[in-house]
Amino acid sequence: MPLPAPKATMEQSISFGKKYHYSILSDAWLLQIGSLLSMIFALALVHLAGRANSFAGKLVLSASTVIIVLSLAEGTFINAVVQAADNGHYPGSVTSFQ
């Protein structure tokens, strides 16, 4: 899916969002699930190693939390772009996209 140019007009950005609506939402879903599975894998490794209460285990927990929070924030902006375009709030869609 070719992204619109960085200096694309509002109409070009909205056209892109409407054309690739389901692809954008499925991409956001895959992003969230991938981050969640990565976090579960890392925490499972720490648990199986018996290091959950060590400094390294707590560091993995903290890093996993940051990854999930950033992933959710990105997913929120992706959904904001699509929903704003669907509801006719085009300036909001462009703002969330940039």
N, C-alpha and C. Protein backbone atom coordinates (compact mmCIF):
# COMPACT_ATOMS: atom_id res chain seq x y z
N MET A 1 0.85 -1.16 0.00
CA MET A 1 0.00 0.00 0.00
C MET A 1 0.90 1.23 0.00
N PRO A 2 0.84 2.01 -1.03
CA PRO A 2 1.68 3.21 -1.13
C PRO A 2 1.13 4.33 -0.24
N LEU A 3 1.96 4.84 0.63
CA LEU A 3 1.55 5.93 1.52
C LEU A 3 1.47 7.24 0.75
N PRO A 4 0.61 8.16 1.20
CA PRO A 4 0.58 9.47 0.56
C PRO A 4 1.89 10.22 0.83
N ALA A 5 2.19 11.15 -0.02
CA ALA A 5 3.42 11.94 0.13
C ALA A 5 3.39 12.72 1.45
N PRO A 6 4.56 13.05 2.00
CA PRO A 6 4.58 13.82 3.25
C PRO A 6 3.86 15.17 3.15
N LYS A 7 3.87 15.78 1.98
CA LYS A 7 3.19 17.07 1.78
C LYS A 7 1.85 16.89 1.07
N ALA A 8 1.22 15.73 1.26
CA ALA A 8 -0.05 15.45 0.59
C ALA A 8 -1.14 16.41 1.08
N THR A 9 -2.06 16.70 0.21
CA THR A 9 -3.19 17.56 0.59
C THR A 9 -4.15 16.76 1.46
N MET A 10 -5.09 17.46 2.06
CA MET A 10 -6.08 16.80 2.90
C MET A 10 -6.90 15.80 2.08
N GLU A 11 -7.25 16.18 0.87
CA GLU A 11 -8.06 15.31 0.02
C GLU A 11 -7.29 14.02 -0.32
N GLN A 12 -6.00 14.13 -0.58
CA GLN A 12 -5.20 12.94 -0.89
C GLN A 12 -5.09 12.02 0.32
N SER A 13 -4.91 12.59 1.50
CA SER A 13 -4.82 11.79 2.72
C SER A 13 -6.14 11.09 3.02
N ILE A 14 -7.24 11.79 2.85
CA ILE A 14 -8.56 11.22 3.10
C ILE A 14 -8.85 10.12 2.08
N SER A 15 -8.50 10.35 0.84
CA SER A 15 -8.69 9.34 -0.20
C SER A 15 -7.90 8.08 0.13
N PHE A 16 -6.68 8.25 0.60
CA PHE A 16 -5.86 7.12 1.00
C PHE A 16 -6.52 6.34 2.14
N GLY A 17 -7.01 7.06 3.14
CA GLY A 17 -7.65 6.42 4.29
C GLY A 17 -8.90 5.65 3.92
N LYS A 18 -9.69 6.20 3.02
CA LYS A 18 -10.92 5.52 2.60
C LYS A 18 -10.62 4.31 1.72
N LYS A 19 -9.61 4.44 0.88
CA LYS A 19 -9.27 3.34 -0.04
C LYS A 19 -8.70 2.14 0.70
N TYR A 20 -7.88 2.39 1.73
CA TYR A 20 -7.20 1.32 2.46
C TYR A 20 -7.73 1.16 3.88
N HIS A 21 -9.00 1.44 4.09
CA HIS A 21 -9.62 1.41 5.42
C HIS A 21 -9.35 0.09 6.15
N TYR A 22 -9.72 -1.02 5.54
CA TYR A 22 -9.58 -2.31 6.22
C TYR A 22 -8.13 -2.76 6.34
N SER A 23 -7.31 -2.39 5.39
CA SER A 23 -5.89 -2.71 5.49
C SER A 23 -5.24 -1.97 6.65
N ILE A 24 -5.62 -0.73 6.85
CA ILE A 24 -5.08 0.07 7.94
C ILE A 24 -5.51 -0.51 9.29
N LEU A 25 -6.79 -0.87 9.40
CA LEU A 25 -7.28 -1.42 10.66
C LEU A 25 -6.68 -2.79 10.95
N SER A 26 -6.51 -3.62 9.93
CA SER A 26 -5.89 -4.93 10.16
C SER A 26 -4.42 -4.76 10.53
N ASP A 27 -3.76 -3.77 9.96
CA ASP A 27 -2.38 -3.48 10.34
C ASP A 27 -2.29 -3.08 11.81
N ALA A 28 -3.22 -2.25 12.26
CA ALA A 28 -3.24 -1.83 13.66
C ALA A 28 -3.50 -3.03 14.57
N TRP A 29 -4.39 -3.92 14.16
CA TRP A 29 -4.68 -5.11 14.95
C TRP A 29 -3.44 -5.99 15.06
N LEU A 30 -2.76 -6.21 13.93
CA LEU A 30 -1.54 -7.02 13.95
C LEU A 30 -0.46 -6.39 14.82
N LEU A 31 -0.37 -5.08 14.78
CA LEU A 31 0.60 -4.38 15.63
C LEU A 31 0.33 -4.65 17.11
N GLN A 32 -0.94 -4.54 17.51
CA GLN A 32 -1.29 -4.76 18.92
C GLN A 32 -1.06 -6.20 19.34
N ILE A 33 -1.50 -7.14 18.53
CA ILE A 33 -1.36 -8.56 18.88
C ILE A 33 0.13 -8.96 18.88
N GLY A 34 0.89 -8.46 17.92
CA GLY A 34 2.32 -8.77 17.88
C GLY A 34 3.05 -8.27 19.10
N SER A 35 2.73 -7.07 19.53
CA SER A 35 3.36 -6.52 20.74
C SER A 35 2.97 -7.32 21.98
N LEU A 36 1.71 -7.70 22.05
CA LEU A 36 1.25 -8.48 23.19
C LEU A 36 1.93 -9.85 23.23
N LEU A 37 2.02 -10.52 22.09
CA LEU A 37 2.68 -11.82 22.06
C LEU A 37 4.17 -11.73 22.37
N SER A 38 4.81 -10.67 21.90
CA SER A 38 6.23 -10.47 22.22
C SER A 38 6.43 -10.28 23.72
N MET A 39 5.54 -9.51 24.33
CA MET A 39 5.63 -9.29 25.76
C MET A 39 5.40 -10.58 26.53
N ILE A 40 4.41 -11.35 26.14
CA ILE A 40 4.14 -12.62 26.81
C ILE A 40 5.34 -13.56 26.69
N PHE A 41 5.95 -13.61 25.50
CA PHE A 41 7.11 -14.47 25.29
C PHE A 41 8.27 -14.06 26.19
N ALA A 42 8.57 -12.77 26.24
CA ALA A 42 9.69 -12.29 27.07
C ALA A 42 9.43 -12.56 28.55
N LEU A 43 8.22 -12.31 29.01
CA LEU A 43 7.90 -12.55 30.42
C LEU A 43 7.90 -14.04 30.74
N ALA A 44 7.48 -14.88 29.80
CA ALA A 44 7.52 -16.32 30.01
C ALA A 44 8.96 -16.82 30.13
N LEU A 45 9.86 -16.27 29.32
CA LEU A 45 11.26 -16.65 29.42
C LEU A 45 11.85 -16.28 30.78
N VAL A 46 11.52 -15.09 31.24
CA VAL A 46 12.02 -14.66 32.55
C VAL A 46 11.46 -15.56 33.65
N HIS A 47 10.18 -15.88 33.55
CA HIS A 47 9.56 -16.74 34.55
C HIS A 47 10.18 -18.14 34.54
N LEU A 48 10.37 -18.70 33.35
CA LEU A 48 10.96 -20.04 33.25
C LEU A 48 12.41 -20.07 33.72
N ALA A 49 13.11 -18.96 33.59
CA ALA A 49 14.49 -18.88 34.06
C ALA A 49 14.56 -18.68 35.57
N GLY A 50 13.41 -18.42 36.18
CA GLY A 50 13.39 -18.21 37.63
C GLY A 50 13.98 -16.88 38.06
N ARG A 51 13.96 -15.91 37.18
CA ARG A 51 14.55 -14.60 37.46
C ARG A 51 13.52 -13.48 37.57
N ALA A 52 12.30 -13.82 37.88
CA ALA A 52 11.24 -12.81 37.91
C ALA A 52 11.48 -11.76 38.99
N ASN A 53 12.14 -12.12 40.09
CA ASN A 53 12.35 -11.18 41.19
C ASN A 53 13.72 -10.51 41.14
N SER A 54 14.52 -10.82 40.13
CA SER A 54 15.84 -10.20 40.02
C SER A 54 15.73 -8.85 39.31
N PHE A 55 16.84 -8.14 39.29
CA PHE A 55 16.87 -6.84 38.60
C PHE A 55 16.56 -7.01 37.12
N ALA A 56 17.15 -8.03 36.49
CA ALA A 56 16.92 -8.27 35.06
C ALA A 56 15.45 -8.59 34.79
N GLY A 57 14.83 -9.38 35.68
CA GLY A 57 13.42 -9.71 35.51
C GLY A 57 12.53 -8.49 35.60
N LYS A 58 12.86 -7.61 36.55
CA LYS A 58 12.07 -6.38 36.69
C LYS A 58 12.32 -5.42 35.53
N LEU A 59 13.53 -5.47 35.00
CA LEU A 59 13.83 -4.65 33.83
C LEU A 59 13.04 -5.13 32.61
N VAL A 60 12.92 -6.44 32.44
CA VAL A 60 12.13 -6.99 31.34
C VAL A 60 10.66 -6.61 31.52
N LEU A 61 10.16 -6.67 32.74
CA LEU A 61 8.77 -6.27 33.00
C LEU A 61 8.55 -4.80 32.66
N SER A 62 9.48 -3.95 33.05
CA SER A 62 9.36 -2.52 32.75
C SER A 62 9.42 -2.26 31.24
N ALA A 63 10.36 -2.92 30.57
CA ALA A 63 10.48 -2.74 29.12
C ALA A 63 9.24 -3.25 28.40
N SER A 64 8.68 -4.36 28.88
CA SER A 64 7.46 -4.90 28.27
C SER A 64 6.29 -3.93 28.44
N THR A 65 6.23 -3.31 29.60
CA THR A 65 5.17 -2.32 29.84
C THR A 65 5.30 -1.14 28.89
N VAL A 66 6.51 -0.65 28.71
CA VAL A 66 6.74 0.48 27.81
C VAL A 66 6.37 0.11 26.38
N ILE A 67 6.74 -1.09 25.96
CA ILE A 67 6.42 -1.53 24.59
C ILE A 67 4.92 -1.58 24.38
N ILE A 68 4.19 -2.14 25.33
CA ILE A 68 2.73 -2.22 25.20
C ILE A 68 2.10 -0.83 25.20
N VAL A 69 2.56 0.05 26.07
CA VAL A 69 1.99 1.40 26.13
C VAL A 69 2.22 2.15 24.81
N LEU A 70 3.43 2.08 24.28
CA LEU A 70 3.70 2.76 23.01
C LEU A 70 2.92 2.15 21.86
N SER A 71 2.78 0.83 21.88
CA SER A 71 2.01 0.15 20.85
C SER A 71 0.54 0.57 20.90
N LEU A 72 -0.01 0.65 22.11
CA LEU A 72 -1.40 1.09 22.24
C LEU A 72 -1.59 2.54 21.82
N ALA A 73 -0.61 3.38 22.12
CA ALA A 73 -0.69 4.78 21.70
C ALA A 73 -0.69 4.88 20.17
N GLU A 74 0.20 4.12 19.54
CA GLU A 74 0.24 4.14 18.07
C GLU A 74 -1.06 3.61 17.48
N GLY A 75 -1.59 2.55 18.06
CA GLY A 75 -2.86 2.00 17.59
C GLY A 75 -4.00 2.99 17.76
N THR A 76 -3.95 3.76 18.83
CA THR A 76 -4.98 4.78 19.05
C THR A 76 -4.95 5.84 17.95
N PHE A 77 -3.75 6.28 17.57
CA PHE A 77 -3.66 7.27 16.50
C PHE A 77 -4.08 6.70 15.15
N ILE A 78 -3.75 5.44 14.91
CA ILE A 78 -4.17 4.80 13.66
C ILE A 78 -5.69 4.74 13.58
N ASN A 79 -6.32 4.31 14.69
CA ASN A 79 -7.78 4.26 14.71
C ASN A 79 -8.41 5.64 14.64
N ALA A 80 -7.75 6.64 15.21
CA ALA A 80 -8.27 8.01 15.15
C ALA A 80 -8.30 8.52 13.71
N VAL A 81 -7.28 8.19 12.94
CA VAL A 81 -7.24 8.61 11.54
C VAL A 81 -8.42 8.02 10.78
N VAL A 82 -8.62 6.73 10.94
CA VAL A 82 -9.68 6.05 10.18
C VAL A 82 -11.06 6.51 10.63
N GLN A 83 -11.28 6.60 11.94
CA GLN A 83 -12.59 7.00 12.44
C GLN A 83 -12.92 8.44 12.10
N ALA A 84 -11.93 9.32 12.19
CA ALA A 84 -12.18 10.72 11.85
C ALA A 84 -12.54 10.86 10.37
N ALA A 85 -11.86 10.12 9.52
CA ALA A 85 -12.17 10.18 8.08
C ALA A 85 -13.57 9.63 7.81
N ASP A 86 -13.93 8.53 8.49
CA ASP A 86 -15.25 7.94 8.29
C ASP A 86 -16.37 8.86 8.76
N ASN A 87 -16.10 9.64 9.80
CA ASN A 87 -17.12 10.52 10.36
C ASN A 87 -17.11 11.91 9.74
N GLY A 88 -16.27 12.12 8.74
CA GLY A 88 -16.26 13.40 8.04
C GLY A 88 -15.46 14.49 8.73
N HIS A 89 -14.68 14.15 9.74
CA HIS A 89 -13.85 15.15 10.42
C HIS A 89 -12.45 15.10 9.82
N TYR A 90 -12.33 15.67 8.65
CA TYR A 90 -11.11 15.54 7.87
C TYR A 90 -9.89 16.23 8.49
N PRO A 91 -10.02 17.42 9.07
CA PRO A 91 -8.83 18.01 9.72
C PRO A 91 -8.30 17.15 10.87
N GLY A 92 -9.20 16.52 11.63
CA GLY A 92 -8.78 15.64 12.70
C GLY A 92 -8.04 14.41 12.17
N SER A 93 -8.50 13.91 11.05
CA SER A 93 -7.85 12.75 10.44
C SER A 93 -6.44 13.09 9.98
N VAL A 94 -6.29 14.23 9.34
CA VAL A 94 -4.97 14.65 8.86
C VAL A 94 -4.03 14.93 10.04
N THR A 95 -4.55 15.54 11.10
CA THR A 95 -3.73 15.82 12.28
C THR A 95 -3.24 14.53 12.92
N SER A 96 -4.10 13.55 13.04
CA SER A 96 -3.70 12.27 13.63
C SER A 96 -2.72 11.53 12.74
N PHE A 97 -2.85 11.70 11.44
CA PHE A 97 -1.97 11.01 10.49
C PHE A 97 -0.57 11.56 10.55
N GLN A 98 -0.44 12.87 10.75
CA GLN A 98 0.88 13.47 10.73
C GLN A 98 1.48 13.28 12.07
